[in-house]
Protein backbone atom coordinates (compact mmCIF):
# COMPACT_ATOMS: atom_id res chain seq x y z
CA MET A 1 24.24 30.19 116.28
CA LYS A 2 23.66 30.11 112.52
CA LYS A 3 25.90 27.03 112.28
CA ASN A 4 23.75 25.16 114.84
CA ILE A 5 20.55 26.03 112.97
CA LEU A 6 22.09 24.88 109.71
CA ILE A 7 23.17 21.56 111.25
CA LEU A 8 19.71 21.10 112.78
CA TYR A 9 18.12 21.88 109.43
CA ILE A 10 20.32 19.32 107.63
CA LEU A 11 19.51 16.66 110.25
CA VAL A 12 15.76 17.29 109.91
CA ILE A 13 15.95 17.03 106.10
CA ALA A 14 18.07 13.84 106.30
CA GLY A 15 15.63 12.31 108.80
CA ALA A 16 12.63 13.15 106.64
CA LEU A 17 14.23 11.68 103.52
CA SER A 18 15.28 8.48 105.26
CA ALA A 19 11.74 8.04 106.61
CA CYS A 20 10.43 7.85 103.02
CA GLU A 21 12.16 4.55 102.29
CA PRO A 22 10.07 1.37 102.44
CA ARG A 23 10.31 -0.34 105.79
CA ILE A 24 9.25 -3.82 104.67
CA ASP A 25 10.28 -5.56 101.48
CA PHE A 26 7.51 -7.75 100.14
CA ASP A 27 8.96 -11.09 99.11
CA GLU A 28 6.83 -12.16 96.15
CA GLY A 29 9.06 -15.19 95.76
CA GLN A 30 7.37 -16.70 98.78
CA TRP A 31 4.55 -17.85 96.52
CA GLY A 32 6.90 -20.24 94.70
CA ASP A 33 6.59 -21.25 91.08
CA THR A 34 3.82 -19.24 89.40
CA ALA A 35 5.10 -19.43 85.80
CA PHE A 36 1.95 -21.11 84.51
CA ILE A 37 -0.52 -20.16 81.80
CA THR A 38 -4.20 -20.25 82.75
CA ASN A 39 -5.71 -19.49 79.31
CA VAL A 40 -4.82 -18.26 75.83
CA ASN A 41 -7.03 -16.34 73.40
CA ILE A 42 -6.51 -15.22 69.82
CA PHE A 43 -7.95 -11.86 68.81
CA THR A 44 -8.21 -9.54 65.85
CA LEU A 45 -9.37 -5.97 65.45
CA GLN A 46 -12.81 -5.31 64.04
CA ALA A 47 -13.99 -2.03 62.60
CA ASP A 48 -16.98 -0.76 64.54
CA GLU A 49 -19.93 1.07 63.01
CA HIS A 50 -19.30 3.98 65.36
CA GLU A 51 -16.69 6.65 65.14
CA LEU A 52 -14.84 8.11 68.07
CA GLN A 53 -15.17 11.83 68.58
CA GLU A 54 -11.68 13.12 69.16
CA TYR A 55 -10.38 16.60 68.72
CA TYR A 56 -7.97 17.12 65.90
CA GLU A 57 -7.22 20.32 64.07
CA ASN A 58 -8.87 18.98 60.93
CA GLU A 59 -11.91 17.89 63.03
CA GLU A 60 -12.20 14.44 61.45
CA LEU A 61 -13.74 11.55 63.37
CA THR A 62 -11.55 8.58 64.23
CA PRO A 63 -12.89 5.19 63.13
CA ALA A 64 -13.52 2.91 66.09
CA ARG A 65 -11.82 -0.47 66.44
CA ARG A 66 -12.52 -3.13 68.99
CA ARG A 67 -10.76 -6.30 69.96
CA LEU A 68 -12.68 -9.36 68.80
CA ILE A 69 -11.81 -12.76 70.29
CA ILE A 70 -11.73 -15.30 67.44
CA SER A 71 -10.59 -18.36 69.41
CA THR A 72 -13.30 -20.75 70.52
CA GLY A 73 -13.65 -21.89 74.12
CA ASN A 74 -10.80 -22.12 76.58
CA ALA A 75 -7.34 -23.28 75.60
CA VAL A 76 -6.25 -26.79 76.53
CA ILE A 77 -3.51 -26.25 79.11
CA GLU A 78 -1.00 -29.02 79.87
CA ASP A 79 1.02 -27.94 82.91
CA GLU A 80 3.23 -31.05 82.81
CA ASN A 81 4.42 -30.40 79.23
CA PHE A 82 4.15 -26.60 79.38
CA THR A 83 1.90 -26.45 76.32
CA ALA A 84 -1.28 -24.53 75.56
CA THR A 85 -3.43 -25.41 72.57
CA VAL A 86 -5.94 -22.83 71.42
CA THR A 87 -8.61 -23.51 68.80
CA VAL A 88 -9.69 -21.06 66.10
CA PRO A 89 -12.34 -21.48 63.38
CA ALA A 90 -11.08 -22.84 60.05
CA ALA A 91 -12.00 -19.59 58.32
CA ALA A 92 -10.04 -17.42 60.78
CA ASP A 93 -7.51 -15.06 59.21
CA LEU A 94 -4.38 -15.29 61.34
CA SER A 95 -2.36 -12.92 59.16
CA ARG A 96 -3.57 -9.98 61.31
CA ALA A 97 -4.22 -11.42 64.75
CA GLY A 98 -2.77 -11.31 68.25
CA ILE A 99 -2.29 -13.54 71.27
CA ILE A 100 -3.62 -12.87 74.76
CA ILE A 101 -1.86 -14.92 77.45
CA ASN A 102 -3.56 -15.18 80.84
CA HIS A 103 -1.01 -16.08 83.50
CA GLN A 104 0.06 -15.58 87.11
CA SER A 105 3.78 -15.09 86.48
CA MET A 106 5.75 -11.90 86.89
CA ARG A 107 6.86 -11.63 83.28
CA VAL A 108 6.20 -13.14 79.85
CA GLU A 109 8.98 -12.98 77.25
CA PRO A 110 8.70 -14.10 73.62
CA VAL A 111 11.40 -16.61 72.67
CA GLY A 112 13.06 -16.48 69.25
CA LEU A 113 10.74 -15.11 66.56
CA SER A 114 7.57 -15.40 68.65
CA PRO A 115 5.53 -12.18 68.54
CA VAL A 116 4.95 -9.96 71.55
CA ALA A 117 1.63 -10.86 73.18
CA GLY A 118 -1.18 -8.35 72.81
CA ILE A 119 0.07 -6.91 69.51
CA ILE A 120 -1.54 -7.52 66.12
CA THR A 121 0.87 -9.48 63.93
CA ASP A 122 1.04 -12.51 61.63
CA LEU A 123 0.21 -15.70 63.56
CA SER A 124 0.24 -17.95 60.48
CA ASP A 125 3.13 -20.03 61.90
CA ARG A 126 0.67 -21.38 64.52
CA GLU A 127 3.32 -22.38 67.09
CA PHE A 128 5.11 -19.97 69.40
CA ILE A 129 7.32 -20.18 72.48
CA TYR A 130 7.09 -17.86 75.49
CA LYS A 131 9.20 -17.84 78.63
CA LEU A 132 7.22 -17.24 81.82
CA VAL A 133 9.18 -16.04 84.84
CA SER A 134 8.06 -16.43 88.48
CA ALA A 135 8.94 -13.98 91.24
CA ASP A 136 11.14 -16.65 92.80
CA GLY A 137 13.17 -16.87 89.57
CA THR A 138 11.66 -20.10 88.23
CA THR A 139 11.18 -20.08 84.46
CA HIS A 140 9.25 -22.30 82.08
CA ASP A 141 9.25 -22.21 78.28
CA TRP A 142 5.66 -22.61 77.14
CA VAL A 143 4.67 -23.72 73.64
CA ILE A 144 1.44 -22.17 72.37
CA ARG A 145 -0.16 -24.01 69.45
CA ILE A 146 -3.00 -22.68 67.34
CA VAL A 147 -5.17 -25.36 65.75
CA GLU A 148 -8.25 -25.21 63.53
CA GLY A 149 -11.60 -26.36 64.85
CA GLN A 150 -14.72 -27.37 62.95
């Protein structure tokens, strides 16, 4: 009798665990090639006049920082050549700036010595390459150029 209850118990547990698996796999590759950039912005961090109240044992206030977009207008996107040209003011300090890449791909990977997007770094080189990967496996190497405006 105990053996039958144990077998029934194991079958119930196995049935419950197998019911937790996804029943339908969503094929994101059905959307085709989505490894395209829609816009690029350059940003820096700006000290704010406010301080953030956070609890620390020494009870000091944390200085506030906010992301400030320093690029002007939208980037010029050339889908045929896989290039994006973003304009910054001539006086912009790119030694402590970051790149924001707007895209519809599944993944963005820096190529070579290109910096990781979204992180403050030195953008003085002004030309970077990023690989965008679609869900269907299509990849495109995009060149992002930073040019000075008026």
